[in-house]
PDB file of N, CA and C in Angstrom:
ATOM      1  N   MET A   1      83.702 113.706  62.521  1.00  0.00           N
ATOM      2  CA  MET A   1      82.284 113.946  62.391  1.00  0.00           C
ATOM      3  C   MET A   1      81.964 115.370  62.848  1.00  0.00           C
ATOM      4  N   ALA A   2      81.237 116.106  62.058  1.00  0.00           N
ATOM      5  CA  ALA A   2      80.841 117.470  62.416  1.00  0.00           C
ATOM      6  C   ALA A   2      79.666 117.419  63.396  1.00  0.00           C
ATOM      7  N   HIS A   3      79.679 118.350  64.307  1.00  0.00           N
ATOM      8  CA  HIS A   3      78.585 118.444  65.278  1.00  0.00           C
ATOM      9  C   HIS A   3      77.771 119.687  64.968  1.00  0.00           C
ATOM     10  N   SER A   4      76.469 119.570  65.137  1.00  0.00           N
ATOM     11  CA  SER A   4      75.616 120.737  65.009  1.00  0.00           C
ATOM     12  C   SER A   4      75.914 121.636  66.208  1.00  0.00           C
ATOM     13  N   LYS A   5      75.889 122.935  66.007  1.00  0.00           N
ATOM     14  CA  LYS A   5      76.191 123.851  67.110  1.00  0.00           C
ATOM     15  C   LYS A   5      75.022 123.991  68.076  1.00  0.00           C
ATOM     16  N   TYR A   6      73.823 123.607  67.623  1.00  0.00           N
ATOM     17  CA  TYR A   6      72.639 123.734  68.473  1.00  0.00           C
ATOM     18  C   TYR A   6      71.756 122.495  68.363  1.00  0.00           C
ATOM     19  N   LEU A   7      71.115 122.173  69.482  1.00  0.00           N
ATOM     20  CA  LEU A   7      70.068 121.158  69.516  1.00  0.00           C
ATOM     21  C   LEU A   7      68.816 121.815  70.059  1.00  0.00           C
ATOM     22  N   PHE A   8      67.704 121.558  69.404  1.00  0.00           N
ATOM     23  CA  PHE A   8      66.406 121.986  69.904  1.00  0.00           C
ATOM     24  C   PHE A   8      65.689 120.711  70.336  1.00  0.00           C
ATOM     25  N   VAL A   9      65.202 120.691  71.575  1.00  0.00           N
ATOM     26  CA  VAL A   9      64.528 119.513  72.108  1.00  0.00           C
ATOM     27  C   VAL A   9      63.083 119.871  72.430  1.00  0.00           C
ATOM     28  N   ALA A  10      62.158 119.164  71.796  1.00  0.00           N
ATOM     29  CA  ALA A  10      60.729 119.325  72.078  1.00  0.00           C
ATOM     30  C   ALA A  10      60.292 118.107  72.880  1.00  0.00           C
ATOM     31  N   SER A  11      59.852 118.329  74.104  1.00  0.00           N
ATOM     32  CA  SER A  11      59.489 117.237  75.013  1.00  0.00           C
ATOM     33  C   SER A  11      58.029 117.382  75.410  1.00  0.00           C
ATOM     34  N   MET A  12      57.352 116.240  75.546  1.00  0.00           N
ATOM     35  CA  MET A  12      55.927 116.295  75.882  1.00  0.00           C
ATOM     36  C   MET A  12      55.393 114.922  76.264  1.00  0.00           C
ATOM     37  N   ASP A  13      54.212 114.936  76.829  1.00  0.00           N
ATOM     38  CA  ASP A  13      53.425 113.735  77.055  1.00  0.00           C
ATOM     39  C   ASP A  13      52.243 113.801  76.101  1.00  0.00           C
ATOM     40  N   VAL A  14      51.544 112.682  75.950  1.00  0.00           N
ATOM     41  CA  VAL A  14      50.367 112.648  75.092  1.00  0.00           C
ATOM     42  C   VAL A  14      49.295 111.791  75.754  1.00  0.00           C
ATOM     43  N   ASP A  15      48.056 112.135  75.511  1.00  0.00           N
ATOM     44  CA  ASP A  15      46.922 111.353  75.999  1.00  0.00           C
ATOM     45  C   ASP A  15      47.126 109.902  75.542  1.00  0.00           C
ATOM     46  N   PRO A  16      47.104 108.941  76.465  1.00  0.00           N
ATOM     47  CA  PRO A  16      47.335 107.539  76.081  1.00  0.00           C
ATOM     48  C   PRO A  16      46.430 107.047  74.945  1.00  0.00           C
ATOM     49  N   ALA A  17      45.218 107.557  74.865  1.00  0.00           N
ATOM     50  CA  ALA A  17      44.305 107.140  73.797  1.00  0.00           C
ATOM     51  C   ALA A  17      44.760 107.638  72.430  1.00  0.00           C
ATOM     52  N   LYS A  18      45.641 108.624  72.402  1.00  0.00           N
ATOM     53  CA  LYS A  18      46.136 109.206  71.142  1.00  0.00           C
ATOM     54  C   LYS A  18      47.592 108.836  70.854  1.00  0.00           C
ATOM     55  N   GLU A  19      48.180 107.954  71.654  1.00  0.00           N
ATOM     56  CA  GLU A  19      49.608 107.653  71.520  1.00  0.00           C
ATOM     57  C   GLU A  19      49.970 107.061  70.151  1.00  0.00           C
ATOM     58  N   ALA A  20      49.180 106.130  69.640  1.00  0.00           N
ATOM     59  CA  ALA A  20      49.489 105.526  68.335  1.00  0.00           C
ATOM     60  C   ALA A  20      49.444 106.587  67.234  1.00  0.00           C
ATOM     61  N   LEU A  21      48.420 107.438  67.244  1.00  0.00           N
ATOM     62  CA  LEU A  21      48.322 108.516  66.256  1.00  0.00           C
ATOM     63  C   LEU A  21      49.482 109.494  66.419  1.00  0.00           C
ATOM     64  N   PHE A  22      49.804 109.844  67.653  1.00  0.00           N
ATOM     65  CA  PHE A  22      50.921 110.735  67.961  1.00  0.00           C
ATOM     66  C   PHE A  22      52.211 110.231  67.309  1.00  0.00           C
ATOM     67  N   ASN A  23      52.541 108.970  67.538  1.00  0.00           N
ATOM     68  CA  ASN A  23      53.769 108.406  66.985  1.00  0.00           C
ATOM     69  C   ASN A  23      53.724 108.324  65.466  1.00  0.00           C
ATOM     70  N   GLU A  24      52.589 107.932  64.912  1.00  0.00           N
ATOM     71  CA  GLU A  24      52.466 107.845  63.452  1.00  0.00           C
ATOM     72  C   GLU A  24      52.660 109.211  62.802  1.00  0.00           C
ATOM     73  N   VAL A  25      51.947 110.211  63.295  1.00  0.00           N
ATOM     74  CA  VAL A  25      52.025 111.543  62.705  1.00  0.00           C
ATOM     75  C   VAL A  25      53.410 112.151  62.930  1.00  0.00           C
ATOM     76  N   TYR A  26      53.969 111.967  64.113  1.00  0.00           N
ATOM     77  CA  TYR A  26      55.304 112.511  64.399  1.00  0.00           C
ATOM     78  C   TYR A  26      56.332 111.935  63.415  1.00  0.00           C
ATOM     79  N   ASN A  27      56.266 110.619  63.212  1.00  0.00           N
ATOM     80  CA  ASN A  27      57.269 109.935  62.387  1.00  0.00           C
ATOM     81  C   ASN A  27      57.055 110.097  60.888  1.00  0.00           C
ATOM     82  N   THR A  28      55.803 110.171  60.448  1.00  0.00           N
ATOM     83  CA  THR A  28      55.536 110.172  59.005  1.00  0.00           C
ATOM     84  C   THR A  28      55.219 111.545  58.434  1.00  0.00           C
ATOM     85  N   GLU A  29      54.866 112.512  59.288  1.00  0.00           N
ATOM     86  CA  GLU A  29      54.515 113.847  58.808  1.00  0.00           C
ATOM     87  C   GLU A  29      55.355 114.948  59.467  1.00  0.00           C
ATOM     88  N   HIS A  30      55.279 115.031  60.789  1.00  0.00           N
ATOM     89  CA  HIS A  30      55.857 116.169  61.503  1.00  0.00           C
ATOM     90  C   HIS A  30      57.378 116.245  61.335  1.00  0.00           C
ATOM     91  N   CYS A  31      58.084 115.182  61.669  1.00  0.00           N
ATOM     92  CA  CYS A  31      59.552 115.200  61.520  1.00  0.00           C
ATOM     93  C   CYS A  31      59.977 115.368  60.061  1.00  0.00           C
ATOM     94  N   PRO A  32      59.387 114.633  59.111  1.00  0.00           N
ATOM     95  CA  PRO A  32      59.793 114.842  57.711  1.00  0.00           C
ATOM     96  C   PRO A  32      59.582 116.274  57.224  1.00  0.00           C
ATOM     97  N   GLU A  33      58.488 116.916  57.612  1.00  0.00           N
ATOM     98  CA  GLU A  33      58.240 118.299  57.178  1.00  0.00           C
ATOM     99  C   GLU A  33      59.236 119.260  57.826  1.00  0.00           C
ATOM    100  N   LEU A  34      59.490 119.088  59.121  1.00  0.00           N
ATOM    101  CA  LEU A  34      60.454 119.962  59.792  1.00  0.00           C
ATOM    102  C   LEU A  34      61.868 119.723  59.263  1.00  0.00           C
ATOM    103  N   GLY A  35      62.140 118.511  58.818  1.00  0.00           N
ATOM    104  CA  GLY A  35      63.439 118.199  58.251  1.00  0.00           C
ATOM    105  C   GLY A  35      63.721 118.922  56.940  1.00  0.00           C
ATOM    106  N   LYS A  36      62.683 119.436  56.291  1.00  0.00           N
ATOM    107  CA  LYS A  36      62.830 120.185  55.041  1.00  0.00           C
ATOM    108  C   LYS A  36      63.157 121.665  55.279  1.00  0.00           C
ATOM    109  N   VAL A  37      63.025 122.118  56.524  1.00  0.00           N
ATOM    110  CA  VAL A  37      63.260 123.531  56.850  1.00  0.00           C
ATOM    111  C   VAL A  37      64.756 123.835  56.719  1.00  0.00           C
ATOM    112  N   PRO A  38      65.106 124.905  56.006  1.00  0.00           N
ATOM    113  CA  PRO A  38      66.522 125.281  55.907  1.00  0.00           C
ATOM    114  C   PRO A  38      67.140 125.474  57.294  1.00  0.00           C
ATOM    115  N   GLY A  39      68.301 124.875  57.505  1.00  0.00           N
ATOM    116  CA  GLY A  39      68.991 124.986  58.783  1.00  0.00           C
ATOM    117  C   GLY A  39      68.712 123.852  59.742  1.00  0.00           C
ATOM    118  N   VAL A  40      67.800 122.938  59.376  1.00  0.00           N
ATOM    119  CA  VAL A  40      67.504 121.781  60.218  1.00  0.00           C
ATOM    120  C   VAL A  40      68.292 120.589  59.687  1.00  0.00           C
ATOM    121  N   GLY A  41      69.007 119.920  60.580  1.00  0.00           N
ATOM    122  CA  GLY A  41      69.766 118.728  60.220  1.00  0.00           C
ATOM    123  C   GLY A  41      69.013 117.478  60.629  1.00  0.00           C
ATOM    124  N   GLU A  42      69.721 116.570  61.263  1.00  0.00           N
ATOM    125  CA  GLU A  42      69.131 115.298  61.670  1.00  0.00           C
ATOM    126  C   GLU A  42      68.084 115.507  62.762  1.00  0.00           C
ATOM    127  N   ILE A  43      67.029 114.694  62.697  1.00  0.00           N
ATOM    128  CA  ILE A  43      65.972 114.706  63.711  1.00  0.00           C
ATOM    129  C   ILE A  43      65.864 113.292  64.271  1.00  0.00           C
ATOM    130  N   THR A  44      65.888 113.183  65.597  1.00  0.00           N
ATOM    131  CA  THR A  44      65.741 111.890  66.253  1.00  0.00           C
ATOM    132  C   THR A  44      64.687 112.010  67.347  1.00  0.00           C
ATOM    133  N   ARG A  45      64.044 110.879  67.660  1.00  0.00           N
ATOM    134  CA  ARG A  45      63.032 110.866  68.713  1.00  0.00           C
ATOM    135  C   ARG A  45      63.406 109.848  69.775  1.00  0.00           C
ATOM    136  N   TYR A  46      63.053 110.171  71.018  1.00  0.00           N
ATOM    137  CA  TYR A  46      63.384 109.319  72.146  1.00  0.00           C
ATOM    138  C   TYR A  46      62.199 109.224  73.098  1.00  0.00           C
ATOM    139  N   GLU A  47      62.187 108.131  73.876  1.00  0.00           N
ATOM    140  CA  GLU A  47      61.189 107.951  74.922  1.00  0.00           C
ATOM    141  C   GLU A  47      61.932 107.730  76.237  1.00  0.00           C
ATOM    142  N   ALA A  48      61.556 108.460  77.272  1.00  0.00           N
ATOM    143  CA  ALA A  48      62.226 108.384  78.569  1.00  0.00           C
ATOM    144  C   ALA A  48      61.969 107.034  79.235  1.00  0.00           C
ATOM    145  N   GLU A  49      62.989 106.549  79.949  1.00  0.00           N
ATOM    146  CA  GLU A  49      62.901 105.301  80.701  1.00  0.00           C
ATOM    147  C   GLU A  49      63.566 105.480  82.058  1.00  0.00           C
ATOM    148  N   SER A  50      63.179 104.646  83.004  1.00  0.00           N
ATOM    149  CA  SER A  50      63.874 104.586  84.289  1.00  0.00           C
ATOM    150  C   SER A  50      65.217 103.903  84.058  1.00  0.00           C
ATOM    151  N   PHE A  51      66.207 104.230  84.896  1.00  0.00           N
ATOM    152  CA  PHE A  51      67.513 103.597  84.772  1.00  0.00           C
ATOM    153  C   PHE A  51      68.254 103.659  86.095  1.00  0.00           C
ATOM    154  N   LYS A  52      69.305 102.847  86.196  1.00  0.00           N
ATOM    155  CA  LYS A  52      70.186 102.853  87.360  1.00  0.00           C
ATOM    156  C   LYS A  52      71.520 103.424  86.922  1.00  0.00           C
ATOM    157  N   VAL A  53      72.138 104.215  87.798  1.00  0.00           N
ATOM    158  CA  VAL A  53      73.432 104.819  87.493  1.00  0.00           C
ATOM    159  C   VAL A  53      74.307 104.778  88.743  1.00  0.00           C
ATOM    160  N   LEU A  54      75.579 104.492  88.540  1.00  0.00           N
ATOM    161  CA  LEU A  54      76.538 104.448  89.635  1.00  0.00           C
ATOM    162  C   LEU A  54      77.203 105.814  89.752  1.00  0.00           C
ATOM    163  N   ILE A  55      76.949 106.502  90.877  1.00  0.00           N
ATOM    164  CA  ILE A  55      77.519 107.826  91.136  1.00  0.00           C
ATOM    165  C   ILE A  55      78.118 107.820  92.538  1.00  0.00           C
ATOM    166  N   GLY A  56      79.377 108.206  92.640  1.00  0.00           N
ATOM    167  CA  GLY A  56      80.020 108.278  93.962  1.00  0.00           C
ATOM    168  C   GLY A  56      80.012 106.957  94.698  1.00  0.00           C
ATOM    169  N   GLY A  57      80.107 105.856  93.974  1.00  0.00           N
ATOM    170  CA  GLY A  57      80.144 104.537  94.597  1.00  0.00           C
ATOM    171  C   GLY A  57      78.787 104.000  95.001  1.00  0.00           C
ATOM    172  N   GLU A  58      77.731 104.721  94.681  1.00  0.00           N
ATOM    173  CA  GLU A  58      76.383 104.293  95.065  1.00  0.00           C
ATOM    174  C   GLU A  58      75.496 104.192  93.829  1.00  0.00           C
ATOM    175  N   THR A  59      74.747 103.087  93.719  1.00  0.00           N
ATOM    176  CA  THR A  59      73.815 102.913  92.604  1.00  0.00           C
ATOM    177  C   THR A  59      72.510 103.618  92.939  1.00  0.00           C
ATOM    178  N   GLN A  60      72.106 104.486  92.059  1.00  0.00           N
ATOM    179  CA  GLN A  60      70.867 105.230  92.254  1.00  0.00           C
ATOM    180  C   GLN A  60      69.902 104.892  91.122  1.00  0.00           C
ATOM    181  N   THR A  61      68.621 104.828  91.457  1.00  0.00           N
ATOM    182  CA  THR A  61      67.592 104.607  90.453  1.00  0.00           C
ATOM    183  C   THR A  61      67.018 105.959  90.072  1.00  0.00           C
ATOM    184  N   MET A  62      67.022 106.231  88.789  1.00  0.00           N
ATOM    185  CA  MET A  62      66.480 107.480  88.266  1.00  0.00           C
ATOM    186  C   MET A  62      65.163 107.186  87.556  1.00  0.00           C
ATOM    187  N   SER A  63      64.165 107.961  87.877  1.00  0.00           N
ATOM    188  CA  SER A  63      62.850 107.774  87.278  1.00  0.00           C
ATOM    189  C   SER A  63      62.439 109.035  86.529  1.00  0.00           C
ATOM    190  N   PRO A  64      61.819 108.859  85.362  1.00  0.00           N
ATOM    191  CA  PRO A  64      61.362 110.036  84.618  1.00  0.00           C
ATOM    192  C   PRO A  64      60.014 110.577  85.091  1.00  0.00           C
ATOM    193  N   ASP A  65      59.503 110.053  86.206  1.00  0.00           N
ATOM    194  CA  ASP A  65      58.193 110.482  86.690  1.00  0.00           C
ATOM    195  C   ASP A  65      58.109 111.999  86.796  1.00  0.00           C
ATOM    196  N   GLY A  66      57.043 112.551  86.259  1.00  0.00           N
ATOM    197  CA  GLY A  66      56.803 113.987  86.307  1.00  0.00           C
ATOM    198  C   GLY A  66      57.445 114.745  85.155  1.00  0.00           C
ATOM    199  N   ARG A  67      58.378 114.109  84.487  1.00  0.00           N
ATOM    200  CA  ARG A  67      59.034 114.727  83.332  1.00  0.00           C
ATOM    201  C   ARG A  67      58.368 114.213  82.062  1.00  0.00           C
ATOM    202  N   PRO A  68      58.482 114.948  80.973  1.00  0.00           N
ATOM    203  CA  PRO A  68      57.878 114.479  79.722  1.00  0.00           C
ATOM    204  C   PRO A  68      58.448 113.123  79.300  1.00  0.00           C
ATOM    205  N   ARG A  69      57.604 112.319  78.694  1.00  0.00           N
ATOM    206  CA  ARG A  69      57.991 110.973  78.261  1.00  0.00           C
ATOM    207  C   ARG A  69      58.619 110.961  76.864  1.00  0.00           C
ATOM    208  N   PHE A  70      58.107 111.795  75.976  1.00  0.00           N
ATOM    209  CA  PHE A  70      58.549 111.787  74.583  1.00  0.00           C
ATOM    210  C   PHE A  70      59.411 113.011  74.276  1.00  0.00           C
ATOM    211  N   HIS A  71      60.480 112.784  73.499  1.00  0.00           N
ATOM    212  CA  HIS A  71      61.427 113.845  73.180  1.00  0.00           C
ATOM    213  C   HIS A  71      61.815 113.762  71.714  1.00  0.00           C
ATOM    214  N   ALA A  72      61.768 114.897  71.025  1.00  0.00           N
ATOM    215  CA  ALA A  72      62.277 114.995  69.656  1.00  0.00           C
ATOM    216  C   ALA A  72      63.474 115.925  69.699  1.00  0.00           C
ATOM    217  N   VAL A  73      64.576 115.499  69.094  1.00  0.00           N
ATOM    218  CA  VAL A  73      65.823 116.263  69.115  1.00  0.00           C
ATOM    219  C   VAL A  73      66.151 116.679  67.684  1.00  0.00           C
ATOM    220  N   TYR A  74      66.246 117.972  67.479  1.00  0.00           N
ATOM    221  CA  TYR A  74      66.501 118.551  66.166  1.00  0.00           C
ATOM    222  C   TYR A  74      67.873 119.197  66.165  1.00  0.00           C
ATOM    223  N   GLU A  75      68.753 118.787  65.256  1.00  0.00           N
ATOM    224  CA  GLU A  75      70.019 119.485  65.073  1.00  0.00           C
ATOM    225  C   GLU A  75      69.719 120.701  64.212  1.00  0.00           C
ATOM    226  N   ILE A  76      70.084 121.889  64.702  1.00  0.00           N
ATOM    227  CA  ILE A  76      69.817 123.108  63.937  1.00  0.00           C
ATOM    228  C   ILE A  76      71.084 123.950  63.841  1.00  0.00           C
ATOM    229  N   GLU A  77      71.153 124.752  62.793  1.00  0.00           N
ATOM    230  CA  GLU A  77      72.335 125.594  62.556  1.00  0.00           C
ATOM    231  C   GLU A  77      72.408 126.786  63.495  1.00  0.00           C
ATOM    232  N   SER A  78      71.240 127.357  63.838  1.00  0.00           N
ATOM    233  CA  SER A  78      71.221 128.534  64.701  1.00  0.00           C
ATOM    234  C   SER A  78      69.844 128.663  65.343  1.00  0.00           C
ATOM    235  N   PRO A  79      69.731 129.431  66.432  1.00  0.00           N
ATOM    236  CA  PRO A  79      68.437 129.641  67.068  1.00  0.00           C
ATOM    237  C   PRO A  79      67.415 130.293  66.135  1.00  0.00           C
ATOM    238  N   GLU A  80      67.900 131.068  65.146  1.00  0.00           N
ATOM    239  CA  GLU A  80      66.993 131.761  64.226  1.00  0.00           C
ATOM    240  C   GLU A  80      66.151 130.802  63.387  1.00  0.00           C
ATOM    241  N   VAL A  81      66.612 129.573  63.225  1.00  0.00           N
ATOM    242  CA  VAL A  81      65.838 128.562  62.478  1.00  0.00           C
ATOM    243  C   VAL A  81      64.445 128.427  63.085  1.00  0.00           C
ATOM    244  N   LEU A  82      64.369 128.480  64.420  1.00  0.00           N
ATOM    245  CA  LEU A  82      63.108 128.243  65.132  1.00  0.00           C
ATOM    246  C   LEU A  82      62.093 129.366  64.966  1.00  0.00           C
ATOM    247  N   SER A  83      62.555 130.554  64.584  1.00  0.00           N
ATOM    248  CA  SER A  83      61.631 131.676  64.392  1.00  0.00           C
ATOM    249  C   SER A  83      61.488 132.035  62.917  1.00  0.00           C
ATOM    250  N   SER A  84      61.978 131.167  62.049  1.00  0.00           N
ATOM    251  CA  SER A  84      61.874 131.423  60.606  1.00  0.00           C
ATOM    252  C   SER A  84      60.459 131.148  60.116  1.00  0.00           C
ATOM    253  N   SER A  85      60.090 131.790  59.030  1.00  0.00           N
ATOM    254  CA  SER A  85      58.761 131.548  58.459  1.00  0.00           C
ATOM    255  C   SER A  85      58.639 130.099  57.984  1.00  0.00           C
ATOM    256  N   ALA A  86      59.744 129.521  57.489  1.00  0.00           N
ATOM    257  CA  ALA A  86      59.709 128.123  57.036  1.00  0.00           C
ATOM    258  C   ALA A  86      59.384 127.188  58.200  1.00  0.00           C
ATOM    259  N   TRP A  87      59.978 127.438  59.370  1.00  0.00           N
ATOM    260  CA  TRP A  87      59.678 126.627  60.556  1.00  0.00           C
ATOM    261  C   TRP A  87      58.218 126.828  60.955  1.00  0.00           C
ATOM    262  N   GLY A  88      57.797 128.084  61.004  1.00  0.00           N
ATOM    263  CA  GLY A  88      56.425 128.397  61.396  1.00  0.00           C
ATOM    264  C   GLY A  88      55.390 127.737  60.506  1.00  0.00           C
ATOM    265  N   GLU A  89      55.682 127.641  59.217  1.00  0.00           N
ATOM    266  CA  GLU A  89      54.769 126.974  58.290  1.00  0.00           C
ATOM    267  C   GLU A  89      54.813 125.460  58.482  1.00  0.00           C
ATOM    268  N   ALA A  90      56.002 124.903  58.658  1.00  0.00           N
ATOM    269  CA  ALA A  90      56.154 123.452  58.771  1.00  0.00           C
ATOM    270  C   ALA A  90      55.468 122.880  60.015  1.00  0.00           C
ATOM    271  N   VAL A  91      55.484 123.618  61.127  1.00  0.00           N
ATOM    272  CA  VAL A  91      54.866 123.083  62.350  1.00  0.00           C
ATOM    273  C   VAL A  91      53.341 123.059  62.263  1.00  0.00           C
ATOM    274  N   GLU A  92      52.778 123.702  61.253  1.00  0.00           N
ATOM    275  CA  GLU A  92      51.325 123.734  61.111  1.00  0.00           C
ATOM    276  C   GLU A  92      50.813 122.818  59.996  1.00  0.00           C
ATOM    277  N   LEU A  93      51.690 122.039  59.387  1.00  0.00           N
ATOM    278  CA  LEU A  93      51.283 121.161  58.289  1.00  0.00           C
ATOM    279  C   LEU A  93      50.712 119.835  58.796  1.00  0.00           C
ATOM    280  N   GLY A  94      49.943 119.189  57.951  1.00  0.00           N
ATOM    281  CA  GLY A  94      49.440 117.841  58.227  1.00  0.00           C
ATOM    282  C   GLY A  94      48.440 117.786  59.368  1.00  0.00           C
ATOM    283  N   ARG A  95      48.377 116.623  59.984  1.00  0.00           N
ATOM    284  CA  ARG A  95      47.401 116.362  61.062  1.00  0.00           C
ATOM    285  C   ARG A  95      47.856 116.853  62.426  1.00  0.00           C
ATOM    286  N   TRP A  96      49.134 117.258  62.541  1.00  0.00           N
ATOM    287  CA  TRP A  96      49.674 117.644  63.845  1.00  0.00           C
ATOM    288  C   TRP A  96      48.859 118.731  64.558  1.00  0.00           C
ATOM    289  N   PRO A  97      48.582 119.881  63.924  1.00  0.00           N
ATOM    290  CA  PRO A  97      47.928 120.970  64.669  1.00  0.00           C
ATOM    291  C   PRO A  97      46.548 120.627  65.226  1.00  0.00           C
ATOM    292  N   GLU A  98      45.751 119.875  64.489  1.00  0.00           N
ATOM    293  CA  GLU A  98      44.373 119.627  64.915  1.00  0.00           C
ATOM    294  C   GLU A  98      44.158 118.280  65.579  1.00  0.00           C
ATOM    295  N   GLN A  99      44.884 117.247  65.137  1.00  0.00           N
ATOM    296  CA  GLN A  99      44.619 115.898  65.637  1.00  0.00           C
ATOM    297  C   GLN A  99      45.604 115.419  66.697  1.00  0.00           C
ATOM    298  N   VAL A 100      46.739 116.121  66.836  1.00  0.00           N
ATOM    299  CA  VAL A 100      47.742 115.670  67.802  1.00  0.00           C
ATOM    300  C   VAL A 100      48.045 116.724  68.868  1.00  0.00           C
ATOM    301  N   ARG A 101      48.446 117.917  68.459  1.00  0.00           N
ATOM    302  CA  ARG A 101      48.868 118.953  69.421  1.00  0.00           C
ATOM    303  C   ARG A 101      47.881 119.158  70.565  1.00  0.00           C
ATOM    304  N   PRO A 102      46.550 119.188  70.314  1.00  0.00           N
ATOM    305  CA  PRO A 102      45.617 119.413  71.429  1.00  0.00           C
ATOM    306  C   PRO A 102      45.658 118.320  72.507  1.00  0.00           C
ATOM    307  N   TYR A 103      46.216 117.160  72.180  1.00  0.00           N
ATOM    308  CA  TYR A 103      46.257 116.044  73.123  1.00  0.00           C
ATOM    309  C   TYR A 103      47.615 115.891  73.788  1.00  0.00           C
ATOM    310  N   THR A 104      48.509 116.867  73.572  1.00  0.00           N
ATOM    311  CA  THR A 104      49.815 116.836  74.226  1.00  0.00           C
ATOM    312  C   THR A 104      49.776 117.692  75.484  1.00  0.00           C
ATOM    313  N   THR A 105      50.548 117.283  76.472  1.00  0.00           N
ATOM    314  CA  THR A 105      50.625 117.995  77.753  1.00  0.00           C
ATOM    315  C   THR A 105      52.081 118.000  78.219  1.00  0.00           C
ATOM    316  N   ASN A 106      52.343 118.711  79.306  1.00  0.00           N
ATOM    317  CA  ASN A 106      53.659 118.731  79.925  1.00  0.00           C
ATOM    318  C   ASN A 106      54.733 119.086  78.895  1.00  0.00           C
ATOM    319  N   ARG A 107      54.402 120.021  78.012  1.00  0.00           N
ATOM    320  CA  ARG A 107      55.304 120.390  76.917  1.00  0.00           C
ATOM    321  C   ARG A 107      56.452 121.250  77.423  1.00  0.00           C
ATOM    322  N   ARG A 108      57.645 120.932  76.948  1.00  0.00           N
ATOM    323  CA  ARG A 108      58.838 121.709  77.276  1.00  0.00           C
ATOM    324  C   ARG A 108      59.682 121.827  76.022  1.00  0.00           C
ATOM    325  N   HIS A 109      60.218 122.998  75.805  1.00  0.00           N
ATOM    326  CA  HIS A 109      61.087 123.234  74.654  1.00  0.00           C
ATOM    327  C   HIS A 109      62.421 123.760  75.179  1.00  0.00           C
ATOM    328  N   THR A 110      63.503 123.133  74.731  1.00  0.00           N
ATOM    329  CA  THR A 110      64.833 123.471  75.221  1.00  0.00           C
ATOM    330  C   THR A 110      65.770 123.688  74.050  1.00  0.00           C
ATOM    331  N   LEU A 111      66.558 124.740  74.122  1.00  0.00           N
ATOM    332  CA  LEU A 111      67.594 124.998  73.132  1.00  0.00           C
ATOM    333  C   LEU A 111      68.942 124.765  73.809  1.00  0.00           C
ATOM    334  N   LEU A 112      69.774 123.914  73.216  1.00  0.00           N
ATOM    335  CA  LEU A 112      71.089 123.606  73.760  1.00  0.00           C
ATOM    336  C   LEU A 112      72.156 124.080  72.790  1.00  0.00           C
ATOM    337  N   ARG A 113      73.159 124.789  73.303  1.00  0.00           N
ATOM    338  CA  ARG A 113      74.286 125.250  72.492  1.00  0.00           C
ATOM    339  C   ARG A 113      75.490 124.366  72.790  1.00  0.00           C
ATOM    340  N   LEU A 114      76.146 123.883  71.755  1.00  0.00           N
ATOM    341  CA  LEU A 114      77.314 123.018  71.893  1.00  0.00           C
ATOM    342  C   LEU A 114      78.435 123.747  72.626  1.00  0.00           C
ATOM    343  N   THR A 115      78.971 123.116  73.679  1.00  0.00           N
ATOM    344  CA  THR A 115      80.109 123.688  74.391  1.00  0.00           C
ATOM    345  C   THR A 115      81.325 122.775  74.376  1.00  0.00           C
ATOM    346  N   TYR A 116      81.153 121.498  74.074  1.00  0.00           N
ATOM    347  CA  TYR A 116      82.261 120.551  73.958  1.00  0.00           C
ATOM    348  C   TYR A 116      81.843 119.421  73.047  1.00  0.00           C
ATOM    349  N   PRO A 117      82.639 118.969  72.149  1.00  0.00           N
ATOM    350  CA  PRO A 117      83.920 119.550  71.781  1.00  0.00           C
ATOM    351  C   PRO A 117      83.708 120.837  70.995  1.00  0.00           C
ATOM    352  N   GLY A 118      84.707 121.683  70.987  1.00  0.00           N
ATOM    353  CA  GLY A 118      84.611 122.937  70.254  1.00  0.00           C
ATOM    354  C   GLY A 118      84.517 122.684  68.758  1.00  0.00           C
ATOM    355  N   THR A 119      83.970 123.641  68.064  1.00  0.00           N
ATOM    356  CA  THR A 119      83.836 123.485  66.610  1.00  0.00           C
ATOM    357  C   THR A 119      84.757 124.430  65.884  1.00  0.00           C
TER     358      THR A 119
END
């Protein structure tokens, strides 16, 4: 299986009153439009949860408190995809800019470069 050399992660919270609209627009408009941008591969979305992990013989509880709850992960060919005109146009399509983006908070954007396994 081939791995994308880069992952772009968009993380955020949303006003609880807008959560249903947020998920609908993200899934039916925002991700599909960004998926059409040259250099963008698979797009997946995740929601943070608390969990327990065994480290050094001790079980620790990890909580996402204070961190963004919602995460979209985009496989991209290169960092330049994010500054392309196609990306810039796609992020402004549909209901996202006016009906969703203003209600998001705690936004974080992360670019990850693949280091293992090598490509």
